[in-house]
Amino acid sequence: MTEPAIQKREQLDKDWHVYLIRTRANTLYCGITNDLQRRFEQHQSGKGAKYLRGKGPLSLVWSQQVADKSSALKEEIRIKKLSKSSKEKLVVGP
């Protein structure tokens, strides 16, 4: 395998996360990533999701590790369908 192919494979093997970010206006944004710190830094710098641009300061308020990208996508869809109060319950915890 070539070096770029190895790096791509390592990226696919990383743990996946579903996360919620709170904006200045108290809205919650849901996303997925295989590098939580890098992705949050992208959002903060304005190079992440267009929805979050200009809505800082941002806070990473919840994340959950999942098995793989497919699981992350399914969980993201499930969370996006929840009401705001249900998402807030996720943030607060059990």
PDB file of N, CA and C in Angstrom:
ATOM      1  N   MET A   1       0.837  -1.177   0.000  1.00  0.00           N
ATOM      2  CA  MET A   1       0.000   0.000   0.000  1.00  0.00           C
ATOM      3  C   MET A   1       0.886   1.247   0.000  1.00  0.00           C
ATOM      4  N   THR A   2       0.446   2.256  -0.706  1.00  0.00           N
ATOM      5  CA  THR A   2       1.188   3.511  -0.735  1.00  0.00           C
ATOM      6  C   THR A   2       0.881   4.321   0.528  1.00  0.00           C
ATOM      7  N   GLU A   3       1.719   5.307   0.826  1.00  0.00           N
ATOM      8  CA  GLU A   3       1.546   6.125   2.028  1.00  0.00           C
ATOM      9  C   GLU A   3       0.161   6.797   2.083  1.00  0.00           C
ATOM     10  N   PRO A   4      -0.298   7.463   1.012  1.00  0.00           N
ATOM     11  CA  PRO A   4      -1.647   8.053   1.076  1.00  0.00           C
ATOM     12  C   PRO A   4      -2.744   7.020   1.312  1.00  0.00           C
ATOM     13  N   ALA A   5      -2.584   5.835   0.724  1.00  0.00           N
ATOM     14  CA  ALA A   5      -3.585   4.782   0.917  1.00  0.00           C
ATOM     15  C   ALA A   5      -3.597   4.311   2.364  1.00  0.00           C
ATOM     16  N   ILE A   6      -2.429   4.218   2.977  1.00  0.00           N
ATOM     17  CA  ILE A   6      -2.341   3.820   4.389  1.00  0.00           C
ATOM     18  C   ILE A   6      -2.993   4.876   5.269  1.00  0.00           C
ATOM     19  N   GLN A   7      -2.708   6.149   5.000  1.00  0.00           N
ATOM     20  CA  GLN A   7      -3.305   7.228   5.790  1.00  0.00           C
ATOM     21  C   GLN A   7      -4.820   7.230   5.645  1.00  0.00           C
ATOM     22  N   LYS A   8      -5.322   6.987   4.446  1.00  0.00           N
ATOM     23  CA  LYS A   8      -6.763   6.952   4.222  1.00  0.00           C
ATOM     24  C   LYS A   8      -7.384   5.799   5.007  1.00  0.00           C
ATOM     25  N   ARG A   9      -6.717   4.662   4.997  1.00  0.00           N
ATOM     26  CA  ARG A   9      -7.214   3.492   5.731  1.00  0.00           C
ATOM     27  C   ARG A   9      -7.239   3.771   7.234  1.00  0.00           C
ATOM     28  N   GLU A  10      -6.167   4.416   7.740  1.00  0.00           N
ATOM     29  CA  GLU A  10      -6.124   4.751   9.161  1.00  0.00           C
ATOM     30  C   GLU A  10      -7.262   5.706   9.514  1.00  0.00           C
ATOM     31  N   GLN A  11      -7.581   6.636   8.625  1.00  0.00           N
ATOM     32  CA  GLN A  11      -8.667   7.581   8.861  1.00  0.00           C
ATOM     33  C   GLN A  11     -10.004   6.840   8.942  1.00  0.00           C
ATOM     34  N   LEU A  12     -10.200   5.848   8.091  1.00  0.00           N
ATOM     35  CA  LEU A  12     -11.442   5.074   8.107  1.00  0.00           C
ATOM     36  C   LEU A  12     -11.561   4.228   9.364  1.00  0.00           C
ATOM     37  N   ASP A  13     -10.415   3.811   9.918  1.00  0.00           N
ATOM     38  CA  ASP A  13     -10.412   2.952  11.092  1.00  0.00           C
ATOM     39  C   ASP A  13     -10.625   3.722  12.397  1.00  0.00           C
ATOM     40  N   LYS A  14     -10.545   5.049  12.365  1.00  0.00           N
ATOM     41  CA  LYS A  14     -10.711   5.840  13.582  1.00  0.00           C
ATOM     42  C   LYS A  14     -12.117   5.667  14.134  1.00  0.00           C
ATOM     43  N   ASP A  15     -12.242   5.967  15.424  1.00  0.00           N
ATOM     44  CA  ASP A  15     -13.552   5.939  16.061  1.00  0.00           C
ATOM     45  C   ASP A  15     -14.422   7.073  15.523  1.00  0.00           C
ATOM     46  N   TRP A  16     -15.682   6.807  15.368  1.00  0.00           N
ATOM     47  CA  TRP A  16     -16.629   7.809  14.900  1.00  0.00           C
ATOM     48  C   TRP A  16     -17.414   8.366  16.073  1.00  0.00           C
ATOM     49  N   HIS A  17     -17.792   9.625  15.966  1.00  0.00           N
ATOM     50  CA  HIS A  17     -18.528  10.308  17.027  1.00  0.00           C
ATOM     51  C   HIS A  17     -19.711  11.057  16.433  1.00  0.00           C
ATOM     52  N   VAL A  18     -20.779  11.103  17.192  1.00  0.00           N
ATOM     53  CA  VAL A  18     -21.909  11.981  16.926  1.00  0.00           C
ATOM     54  C   VAL A  18     -21.800  13.063  17.984  1.00  0.00           C
ATOM     55  N   TYR A  19     -22.049  14.327  17.615  1.00  0.00           N
ATOM     56  CA  TYR A  19     -21.846  15.397  18.581  1.00  0.00           C
ATOM     57  C   TYR A  19     -22.906  16.479  18.444  1.00  0.00           C
ATOM     58  N   LEU A  20     -23.060  17.249  19.527  1.00  0.00           N
ATOM     59  CA  LEU A  20     -23.937  18.411  19.529  1.00  0.00           C
ATOM     60  C   LEU A  20     -23.117  19.631  19.920  1.00  0.00           C
ATOM     61  N   ILE A  21     -23.294  20.711  19.176  1.00  0.00           N
ATOM     62  CA  ILE A  21     -22.639  21.984  19.458  1.00  0.00           C
ATOM     63  C   ILE A  21     -23.722  23.010  19.751  1.00  0.00           C
ATOM     64  N   ARG A  22     -23.512  23.786  20.826  1.00  0.00           N
ATOM     65  CA  ARG A  22     -24.437  24.853  21.171  1.00  0.00           C
ATOM     66  C   ARG A  22     -23.899  26.184  20.642  1.00  0.00           C
ATOM     67  N   THR A  23     -24.769  26.972  20.036  1.00  0.00           N
ATOM     68  CA  THR A  23     -24.389  28.280  19.509  1.00  0.00           C
ATOM     69  C   THR A  23     -24.716  29.376  20.521  1.00  0.00           C
ATOM     70  N   ARG A  24     -24.292  30.585  20.214  1.00  0.00           N
ATOM     71  CA  ARG A  24     -24.570  31.753  21.059  1.00  0.00           C
ATOM     72  C   ARG A  24     -26.078  31.929  21.253  1.00  0.00           C
ATOM     73  N   ALA A  25     -26.862  31.632  20.230  1.00  0.00           N
ATOM     74  CA  ALA A  25     -28.327  31.781  20.290  1.00  0.00           C
ATOM     75  C   ALA A  25     -29.010  30.581  20.953  1.00  0.00           C
ATOM     76  N   ASN A  26     -28.225  29.679  21.528  1.00  0.00           N
ATOM     77  CA  ASN A  26     -28.731  28.500  22.244  1.00  0.00           C
ATOM     78  C   ASN A  26     -29.337  27.442  21.323  1.00  0.00           C
ATOM     79  N   THR A  27     -29.014  27.475  20.033  1.00  0.00           N
ATOM     80  CA  THR A  27     -29.454  26.401  19.144  1.00  0.00           C
ATOM     81  C   THR A  27     -28.454  25.251  19.241  1.00  0.00           C
ATOM     82  N   LEU A  28     -28.893  24.062  18.871  1.00  0.00           N
ATOM     83  CA  LEU A  28     -28.030  22.887  18.891  1.00  0.00           C
ATOM     84  C   LEU A  28     -27.812  22.392  17.471  1.00  0.00           C
ATOM     85  N   TYR A  29     -26.552  22.151  17.135  1.00  0.00           N
ATOM     86  CA  TYR A  29     -26.174  21.630  15.821  1.00  0.00           C
ATOM     87  C   TYR A  29     -25.664  20.207  16.028  1.00  0.00           C
ATOM     88  N   CYS A  30     -26.132  19.274  15.231  1.00  0.00           N
ATOM     89  CA  CYS A  30     -25.707  17.878  15.317  1.00  0.00           C
ATOM     90  C   CYS A  30     -24.845  17.529  14.113  1.00  0.00           C
ATOM     91  N   GLY A  31     -23.752  16.799  14.358  1.00  0.00           N
ATOM     92  CA  GLY A  31     -22.886  16.355  13.277  1.00  0.00           C
ATOM     93  C   GLY A  31     -22.165  15.072  13.633  1.00  0.00           C
ATOM     94  N   ILE A  32     -21.388  14.563  12.679  1.00  0.00           N
ATOM     95  CA  ILE A  32     -20.579  13.364  12.911  1.00  0.00           C
ATOM     96  C   ILE A  32     -19.156  13.635  12.451  1.00  0.00           C
ATOM     97  N   THR A  33     -18.223  12.885  13.017  1.00  0.00           N
ATOM     98  CA  THR A  33     -16.822  13.017  12.635  1.00  0.00           C
ATOM     99  C   THR A  33     -16.044  11.810  13.119  1.00  0.00           C
ATOM    100  N   ASN A  34     -14.853  11.631  12.529  1.00  0.00           N
ATOM    101  CA  ASN A  34     -13.951  10.601  13.052  1.00  0.00           C
ATOM    102  C   ASN A  34     -12.747  11.257  13.737  1.00  0.00           C
ATOM    103  N   ASP A  35     -12.799  12.571  13.933  1.00  0.00           N
ATOM    104  CA  ASP A  35     -11.776  13.304  14.682  1.00  0.00           C
ATOM    105  C   ASP A  35     -12.468  14.487  15.344  1.00  0.00           C
ATOM    106  N   LEU A  36     -12.963  14.285  16.548  1.00  0.00           N
ATOM    107  CA  LEU A  36     -13.817  15.254  17.226  1.00  0.00           C
ATOM    108  C   LEU A  36     -13.109  16.590  17.472  1.00  0.00           C
ATOM    109  N   GLN A  37     -11.892  16.542  17.960  1.00  0.00           N
ATOM    110  CA  GLN A  37     -11.169  17.775  18.254  1.00  0.00           C
ATOM    111  C   GLN A  37     -10.934  18.598  16.981  1.00  0.00           C
ATOM    112  N   ARG A  38     -10.465  17.942  15.926  1.00  0.00           N
ATOM    113  CA  ARG A  38     -10.212  18.634  14.665  1.00  0.00           C
ATOM    114  C   ARG A  38     -11.489  19.253  14.118  1.00  0.00           C
ATOM    115  N   ARG A  39     -12.586  18.510  14.162  1.00  0.00           N
ATOM    116  CA  ARG A  39     -13.846  19.002  13.606  1.00  0.00           C
ATOM    117  C   ARG A  39     -14.377  20.194  14.396  1.00  0.00           C
ATOM    118  N   PHE A  40     -14.300  20.133  15.728  1.00  0.00           N
ATOM    119  CA  PHE A  40     -14.764  21.255  16.535  1.00  0.00           C
ATOM    120  C   PHE A  40     -13.918  22.500  16.254  1.00  0.00           C
ATOM    121  N   GLU A  41     -12.616  22.316  16.110  1.00  0.00           N
ATOM    122  CA  GLU A  41     -11.736  23.438  15.774  1.00  0.00           C
ATOM    123  C   GLU A  41     -12.105  24.025  14.410  1.00  0.00           C
ATOM    124  N   GLN A  42     -12.474  23.178  13.453  1.00  0.00           N
ATOM    125  CA  GLN A  42     -12.922  23.666  12.145  1.00  0.00           C
ATOM    126  C   GLN A  42     -14.177  24.526  12.295  1.00  0.00           C
ATOM    127  N   HIS A  43     -15.121  24.049  13.092  1.00  0.00           N
ATOM    128  CA  HIS A  43     -16.348  24.810  13.305  1.00  0.00           C
ATOM    129  C   HIS A  43     -16.029  26.167  13.938  1.00  0.00           C
ATOM    130  N   GLN A  44     -15.171  26.174  14.939  1.00  0.00           N
ATOM    131  CA  GLN A  44     -14.826  27.420  15.633  1.00  0.00           C
ATOM    132  C   GLN A  44     -14.122  28.416  14.710  1.00  0.00           C
ATOM    133  N   SER A  45     -13.335  27.915  13.786  1.00  0.00           N
ATOM    134  CA  SER A  45     -12.572  28.796  12.905  1.00  0.00           C
ATOM    135  C   SER A  45     -13.392  29.289  11.713  1.00  0.00           C
ATOM    136  N   GLY A  46     -14.612  28.787  11.553  1.00  0.00           N
ATOM    137  CA  GLY A  46     -15.442  29.183  10.424  1.00  0.00           C
ATOM    138  C   GLY A  46     -15.247  28.317   9.199  1.00  0.00           C
ATOM    139  N   LYS A  47     -14.439  27.270   9.304  1.00  0.00           N
ATOM    140  CA  LYS A  47     -14.189  26.381   8.169  1.00  0.00           C
ATOM    141  C   LYS A  47     -15.004  25.085   8.257  1.00  0.00           C
ATOM    142  N   GLY A  48     -15.921  25.035   9.208  1.00  0.00           N
ATOM    143  CA  GLY A  48     -16.772  23.860   9.359  1.00  0.00           C
ATOM    144  C   GLY A  48     -18.100  24.077   8.657  1.00  0.00           C
ATOM    145  N   ALA A  49     -19.158  23.642   9.281  1.00  0.00           N
ATOM    146  CA  ALA A  49     -20.496  23.738   8.697  1.00  0.00           C
ATOM    147  C   ALA A  49     -20.911  25.190   8.492  1.00  0.00           C
ATOM    148  N   LYS A  50     -21.486  25.461   7.341  1.00  0.00           N
ATOM    149  CA  LYS A  50     -21.940  26.819   7.013  1.00  0.00           C
ATOM    150  C   LYS A  50     -22.944  27.323   8.049  1.00  0.00           C
ATOM    151  N   TYR A  51     -23.773  26.427   8.561  1.00  0.00           N
ATOM    152  CA  TYR A  51     -24.791  26.801   9.548  1.00  0.00           C
ATOM    153  C   TYR A  51     -24.180  27.480  10.767  1.00  0.00           C
ATOM    154  N   LEU A  52     -22.985  27.067  11.167  1.00  0.00           N
ATOM    155  CA  LEU A  52     -22.376  27.579  12.397  1.00  0.00           C
ATOM    156  C   LEU A  52     -21.565  28.856  12.208  1.00  0.00           C
ATOM    157  N   ARG A  53     -21.334  29.257  10.983  1.00  0.00           N
ATOM    158  CA  ARG A  53     -20.514  30.449  10.736  1.00  0.00           C
ATOM    159  C   ARG A  53     -21.182  31.696  11.290  1.00  0.00           C
ATOM    160  N   GLY A  54     -20.426  32.433  12.093  1.00  0.00           N
ATOM    161  CA  GLY A  54     -20.932  33.666  12.679  1.00  0.00           C
ATOM    162  C   GLY A  54     -21.875  33.464  13.846  1.00  0.00           C
ATOM    163  N   LYS A  55     -21.995  32.239  14.342  1.00  0.00           N
ATOM    164  CA  LYS A  55     -22.926  31.953  15.437  1.00  0.00           C
ATOM    165  C   LYS A  55     -22.212  31.657  16.747  1.00  0.00           C
ATOM    166  N   GLY A  56     -20.906  31.944  16.808  1.00  0.00           N
ATOM    167  CA  GLY A  56     -20.113  31.673  18.006  1.00  0.00           C
ATOM    168  C   GLY A  56     -20.356  32.709  19.081  1.00  0.00           C
ATOM    169  N   PRO A  57     -19.863  32.456  20.282  1.00  0.00           N
ATOM    170  CA  PRO A  57     -18.982  31.341  20.580  1.00  0.00           C
ATOM    171  C   PRO A  57     -19.743  30.012  20.567  1.00  0.00           C
ATOM    172  N   LEU A  58     -19.022  28.976  20.197  1.00  0.00           N
ATOM    173  CA  LEU A  58     -19.586  27.631  20.118  1.00  0.00           C
ATOM    174  C   LEU A  58     -19.105  26.799  21.297  1.00  0.00           C
ATOM    175  N   SER A  59     -19.951  25.894  21.749  1.00  0.00           N
ATOM    176  CA  SER A  59     -19.584  24.975  22.824  1.00  0.00           C
ATOM    177  C   SER A  59     -19.922  23.557  22.399  1.00  0.00           C
ATOM    178  N   LEU A  60     -18.953  22.673  22.530  1.00  0.00           N
ATOM    179  CA  LEU A  60     -19.215  21.249  22.306  1.00  0.00           C
ATOM    180  C   LEU A  60     -19.868  20.742  23.586  1.00  0.00           C
ATOM    181  N   VAL A  61     -21.160  20.424  23.519  1.00  0.00           N
ATOM    182  CA  VAL A  61     -21.906  20.112  24.738  1.00  0.00           C
ATOM    183  C   VAL A  61     -22.205  18.632  24.928  1.00  0.00           C
ATOM    184  N   TRP A  62     -22.034  17.836  23.856  1.00  0.00           N
ATOM    185  CA  TRP A  62     -22.338  16.403  23.971  1.00  0.00           C
ATOM    186  C   TRP A  62     -21.671  15.670  22.826  1.00  0.00           C
ATOM    187  N   SER A  63     -21.174  14.484  23.123  1.00  0.00           N
ATOM    188  CA  SER A  63     -20.686  13.602  22.055  1.00  0.00           C
ATOM    189  C   SER A  63     -20.845  12.159  22.494  1.00  0.00           C
ATOM    190  N   GLN A  64     -20.940  11.297  21.514  1.00  0.00           N
ATOM    191  CA  GLN A  64     -21.076   9.863  21.769  1.00  0.00           C
ATOM    192  C   GLN A  64     -20.258   9.116  20.736  1.00  0.00           C
ATOM    193  N   GLN A  65     -19.435   8.199  21.206  1.00  0.00           N
ATOM    194  CA  GLN A  65     -18.658   7.371  20.293  1.00  0.00           C
ATOM    195  C   GLN A  65     -19.549   6.256  19.774  1.00  0.00           C
ATOM    196  N   VAL A  66     -19.422   5.970  18.485  1.00  0.00           N
ATOM    197  CA  VAL A  66     -20.188   4.885  17.865  1.00  0.00           C
ATOM    198  C   VAL A  66     -19.238   3.959  17.116  1.00  0.00           C
ATOM    199  N   ALA A  67     -19.747   2.833  16.684  1.00  0.00           N
ATOM    200  CA  ALA A  67     -18.903   1.775  16.122  1.00  0.00           C
ATOM    201  C   ALA A  67     -18.259   2.126  14.787  1.00  0.00           C
ATOM    202  N   ASP A  68     -19.020   2.767  13.900  1.00  0.00           N
ATOM    203  CA  ASP A  68     -18.507   3.018  12.554  1.00  0.00           C
ATOM    204  C   ASP A  68     -19.277   4.162  11.909  1.00  0.00           C
ATOM    205  N   LYS A  69     -18.906   4.519  10.697  1.00  0.00           N
ATOM    206  CA  LYS A  69     -19.535   5.647  10.016  1.00  0.00           C
ATOM    207  C   LYS A  69     -21.017   5.403   9.782  1.00  0.00           C
ATOM    208  N   SER A  70     -21.371   4.207   9.422  1.00  0.00           N
ATOM    209  CA  SER A  70     -22.777   3.892   9.185  1.00  0.00           C
ATOM    210  C   SER A  70     -23.606   4.126  10.447  1.00  0.00           C
ATOM    211  N   SER A  71     -23.103   3.661  11.578  1.00  0.00           N
ATOM    212  CA  SER A  71     -23.796   3.871  12.856  1.00  0.00           C
ATOM    213  C   SER A  71     -23.890   5.354  13.184  1.00  0.00           C
ATOM    214  N   ALA A  72     -22.818   6.092  12.902  1.00  0.00           N
ATOM    215  CA  ALA A  72     -22.799   7.533  13.160  1.00  0.00           C
ATOM    216  C   ALA A  72     -23.870   8.242  12.337  1.00  0.00           C
ATOM    217  N   LEU A  73     -23.968   7.897  11.067  1.00  0.00           N
ATOM    218  CA  LEU A  73     -24.973   8.517  10.197  1.00  0.00           C
ATOM    219  C   LEU A  73     -26.393   8.214  10.678  1.00  0.00           C
ATOM    220  N   LYS A  74     -26.632   6.981  11.075  1.00  0.00           N
ATOM    221  CA  LYS A  74     -27.963   6.601  11.557  1.00  0.00           C
ATOM    222  C   LYS A  74     -28.312   7.337  12.843  1.00  0.00           C
ATOM    223  N   GLU A  75     -27.340   7.450  13.753  1.00  0.00           N
ATOM    224  CA  GLU A  75     -27.575   8.143  15.017  1.00  0.00           C
ATOM    225  C   GLU A  75     -27.785   9.644  14.779  1.00  0.00           C
ATOM    226  N   GLU A  76     -27.039  10.217  13.853  1.00  0.00           N
ATOM    227  CA  GLU A  76     -27.203  11.634  13.521  1.00  0.00           C
ATOM    228  C   GLU A  76     -28.622  11.890  13.001  1.00  0.00           C
ATOM    229  N   ILE A  77     -29.104  11.055  12.121  1.00  0.00           N
ATOM    230  CA  ILE A  77     -30.458  11.212  11.590  1.00  0.00           C
ATOM    231  C   ILE A  77     -31.485  11.097  12.710  1.00  0.00           C
ATOM    232  N   ARG A  78     -31.278  10.122  13.595  1.00  0.00           N
ATOM    233  CA  ARG A  78     -32.212   9.933  14.717  1.00  0.00           C
ATOM    234  C   ARG A  78     -32.253  11.186  15.596  1.00  0.00           C
ATOM    235  N   ILE A  79     -31.069  11.726  15.928  1.00  0.00           N
ATOM    236  CA  ILE A  79     -31.001  12.897  16.807  1.00  0.00           C
ATOM    237  C   ILE A  79     -31.598  14.124  16.128  1.00  0.00           C
ATOM    238  N   LYS A  80     -31.343  14.297  14.851  1.00  0.00           N
ATOM    239  CA  LYS A  80     -31.878  15.462  14.140  1.00  0.00           C
ATOM    240  C   LYS A  80     -33.399  15.461  14.108  1.00  0.00           C
ATOM    241  N   LYS A  81     -34.019  14.302  14.233  1.00  0.00           N
ATOM    242  CA  LYS A  81     -35.478  14.207  14.242  1.00  0.00           C
ATOM    243  C   LYS A  81     -36.074  14.513  15.620  1.00  0.00           C
ATOM    244  N   LEU A  82     -35.230  14.554  16.652  1.00  0.00           N
ATOM    245  CA  LEU A  82     -35.710  14.803  18.007  1.00  0.00           C
ATOM    246  C   LEU A  82     -36.140  16.253  18.185  1.00  0.00           C
ATOM    247  N   SER A  83     -37.012  16.472  19.146  1.00  0.00           N
ATOM    248  CA  SER A  83     -37.394  17.837  19.510  1.00  0.00           C
ATOM    249  C   SER A  83     -36.221  18.498  20.246  1.00  0.00           C
ATOM    250  N   LYS A  84     -36.276  19.814  20.349  1.00  0.00           N
ATOM    251  CA  LYS A  84     -35.218  20.543  21.068  1.00  0.00           C
ATOM    252  C   LYS A  84     -35.136  20.056  22.514  1.00  0.00           C
ATOM    253  N   SER A  85     -36.270  19.840  23.163  1.00  0.00           N
ATOM    254  CA  SER A  85     -36.250  19.397  24.562  1.00  0.00           C
ATOM    255  C   SER A  85     -35.626  18.006  24.695  1.00  0.00           C
ATOM    256  N   SER A  86     -35.861  17.144  23.743  1.00  0.00           N
ATOM    257  CA  SER A  86     -35.241  15.812  23.778  1.00  0.00           C
ATOM    258  C   SER A  86     -33.734  15.907  23.576  1.00  0.00           C
ATOM    259  N   LYS A  87     -33.291  16.807  22.703  1.00  0.00           N
ATOM    260  CA  LYS A  87     -31.853  17.013  22.507  1.00  0.00           C
ATOM    261  C   LYS A  87     -31.230  17.568  23.781  1.00  0.00           C
ATOM    262  N   GLU A  88     -31.944  18.474  24.455  1.00  0.00           N
ATOM    263  CA  GLU A  88     -31.442  19.034  25.726  1.00  0.00           C
ATOM    264  C   GLU A  88     -31.304  17.942  26.782  1.00  0.00           C
ATOM    265  N   LYS A  89     -32.194  16.961  26.765  1.00  0.00           N
ATOM    266  CA  LYS A  89     -32.085  15.834  27.708  1.00  0.00           C
ATOM    267  C   LYS A  89     -30.828  15.011  27.431  1.00  0.00           C
ATOM    268  N   LEU A  90     -30.441  14.879  26.167  1.00  0.00           N
ATOM    269  CA  LEU A  90     -29.194  14.199  25.837  1.00  0.00           C
ATOM    270  C   LEU A  90     -28.000  14.936  26.448  1.00  0.00           C
ATOM    271  N   VAL A  91     -28.024  16.260  26.331  1.00  0.00           N
ATOM    272  CA  VAL A  91     -26.935  17.087  26.835  1.00  0.00           C
ATOM    273  C   VAL A  91     -26.802  16.947  28.339  1.00  0.00           C
ATOM    274  N   VAL A  92     -27.940  16.997  29.039  1.00  0.00           N
ATOM    275  CA  VAL A  92     -27.950  16.926  30.501  1.00  0.00           C
ATOM    276  C   VAL A  92     -27.556  15.539  30.988  1.00  0.00           C
ATOM    277  N   GLY A  93     -27.950  14.514  30.260  1.00  0.00           N
ATOM    278  CA  GLY A  93     -27.622  13.141  30.641  1.00  0.00           C
ATOM    279  C   GLY A  93     -28.722  12.504  31.460  1.00  0.00           C
ATOM    280  N   PRO A  94     -28.464  11.258  31.875  1.00  0.00           N
ATOM    281  CA  PRO A  94     -29.497  10.508  32.601  1.00  0.00           C
ATOM    282  C   PRO A  94     -29.804  11.061  33.974  1.00  0.00           C
TER     283      PRO A  94
END
